[in-house]
Amino acid sequence: MTTAPAAQLPTERAVRFGHQRWDIENYAFNELANEWHSDHVFRHDPNAIECFLLLTFLAYNLFHAFFALNLKAAARHDKSQLLWARLMTAEFLQEMPSLNRSP
């Protein structure tokens, strides 16, 4: 259902928009909740929630852009996104200074 006039938004396009929205719900938000564990916000201030969501969406989009646009098809073919995410996490953690080392 839409309030847009048929002249501006033909029925076929409205249906296509609805299906695209369902894809976002079914794939993006599902992945964010189940794989990225972004189902809980630890601060309940509206600005903190907004920042958390924006950073989460940014990380999600950057990861998927890297996966789709930067990796060659041969590298994507036999390796899962989860493997690439774990490799990136390991690389980030390796670069962080150890908290146990004395200065």
Protein backbone atom coordinates (compact mmCIF):
# COMPACT_ATOMS: atom_id res chain seq x y z
CA MET A 1 0.00 0.00 0.00
CA THR A 2 1.32 3.42 -0.87
CA THR A 3 0.04 6.96 -1.02
CA ALA A 4 2.15 7.77 -4.09
CA PRO A 5 0.11 8.48 -7.22
CA ALA A 6 0.25 5.79 -9.92
CA ALA A 7 1.66 8.34 -12.37
CA GLN A 8 4.72 8.82 -10.17
CA LEU A 9 5.09 5.24 -8.96
CA PRO A 10 3.76 2.52 -11.26
CA THR A 11 2.50 -0.63 -9.54
CA GLU A 12 5.33 -2.81 -10.88
CA ARG A 13 7.95 -0.45 -9.44
CA ALA A 14 6.19 -0.29 -6.07
CA VAL A 15 6.14 -4.09 -5.92
CA ARG A 16 9.85 -4.22 -6.84
CA PHE A 17 10.63 -1.69 -4.07
CA GLY A 18 8.69 -3.83 -1.61
CA HIS A 19 10.65 -6.94 -2.58
CA GLN A 20 13.94 -5.06 -2.27
CA ARG A 21 12.91 -3.97 1.21
CA TRP A 22 12.16 -7.57 2.13
CA ASP A 23 15.63 -8.55 0.90
CA ILE A 24 17.14 -5.98 3.25
CA GLU A 25 15.08 -7.38 6.13
CA ASN A 26 15.77 -11.01 5.30
CA TYR A 27 19.46 -10.76 4.52
CA ALA A 28 21.05 -7.62 5.98
CA PHE A 29 19.26 -7.31 9.33
CA ASN A 30 19.24 -11.07 9.79
CA GLU A 31 23.00 -11.22 9.17
CA LEU A 32 23.64 -8.25 11.45
CA ALA A 33 21.69 -9.87 14.28
CA ASN A 34 22.92 -13.44 13.88
CA GLU A 35 26.46 -13.14 12.52
CA TRP A 36 27.56 -9.70 13.71
CA HIS A 37 25.81 -9.99 17.12
CA SER A 38 24.44 -6.46 16.83
CA ASP A 39 21.22 -7.28 18.58
CA HIS A 40 21.96 -5.43 21.81
CA VAL A 41 22.90 -1.81 22.43
CA PHE A 42 24.80 -1.26 25.67
CA ARG A 43 23.81 2.38 26.03
CA HIS A 44 20.24 3.57 25.96
CA ASP A 45 20.82 7.22 25.17
CA PRO A 46 19.26 8.02 21.76
CA ASN A 47 22.54 9.48 20.45
CA ALA A 48 24.50 6.40 21.55
CA ILE A 49 21.99 4.10 19.86
CA GLU A 50 22.17 6.13 16.66
CA CYS A 51 25.99 6.08 16.70
CA PHE A 52 26.04 2.33 17.35
CA LEU A 53 23.67 1.64 14.46
CA LEU A 54 25.48 3.97 12.06
CA LEU A 55 28.87 2.42 12.87
CA THR A 56 27.43 -1.07 12.53
CA PHE A 57 25.87 -0.25 9.15
CA LEU A 58 29.12 1.37 8.02
CA ALA A 59 31.17 -1.69 9.02
CA TYR A 60 28.64 -4.00 7.36
CA ASN A 61 28.66 -2.02 4.10
CA LEU A 62 32.45 -1.69 4.03
CA PHE A 63 32.90 -5.40 4.61
CA HIS A 64 30.46 -6.35 1.86
CA ALA A 65 31.93 -3.77 -0.53
CA PHE A 66 35.40 -5.18 0.13
CA PHE A 67 34.15 -8.72 -0.38
CA ALA A 68 32.26 -7.96 -3.59
CA LEU A 69 34.50 -5.34 -5.18
CA ASN A 70 38.05 -5.95 -3.96
CA LEU A 71 38.41 -9.73 -3.84
CA LYS A 72 38.88 -11.59 -7.07
CA ALA A 73 36.18 -14.10 -7.94
CA ALA A 74 38.61 -17.00 -7.42
CA ALA A 75 39.26 -15.87 -3.83
CA ARG A 76 35.53 -15.51 -3.12
CA HIS A 77 34.63 -18.81 -4.75
CA ASP A 78 35.87 -21.33 -2.19
CA LYS A 79 36.13 -19.19 0.94
CA SER A 80 33.21 -18.02 3.06
CA GLN A 81 32.58 -14.48 4.22
CA LEU A 82 33.00 -15.73 7.77
CA LEU A 83 36.55 -16.86 6.96
CA TRP A 84 37.38 -13.43 5.53
CA ALA A 85 35.86 -11.72 8.57
CA ARG A 86 37.97 -13.89 10.88
CA LEU A 87 41.11 -13.19 8.86
CA MET A 88 40.45 -9.45 9.09
CA THR A 89 39.82 -9.69 12.83
CA ALA A 90 43.06 -11.61 13.31
CA GLU A 91 44.93 -8.97 11.33
CA PHE A 92 43.45 -6.15 13.43
CA LEU A 93 44.26 -7.93 16.67
CA GLN A 94 47.80 -8.69 15.55
CA GLU A 95 48.40 -4.99 14.87
CA MET A 96 47.12 -3.89 18.29
CA PRO A 97 49.77 -3.36 20.92
CA SER A 98 49.74 -6.00 23.60
CA LEU A 99 48.04 -4.92 26.82
CA ASN A 100 50.34 -7.15 28.85
CA ARG A 101 53.61 -5.57 27.69
CA SER A 102 55.27 -2.98 29.83
CA PRO A 103 56.12 0.31 28.08
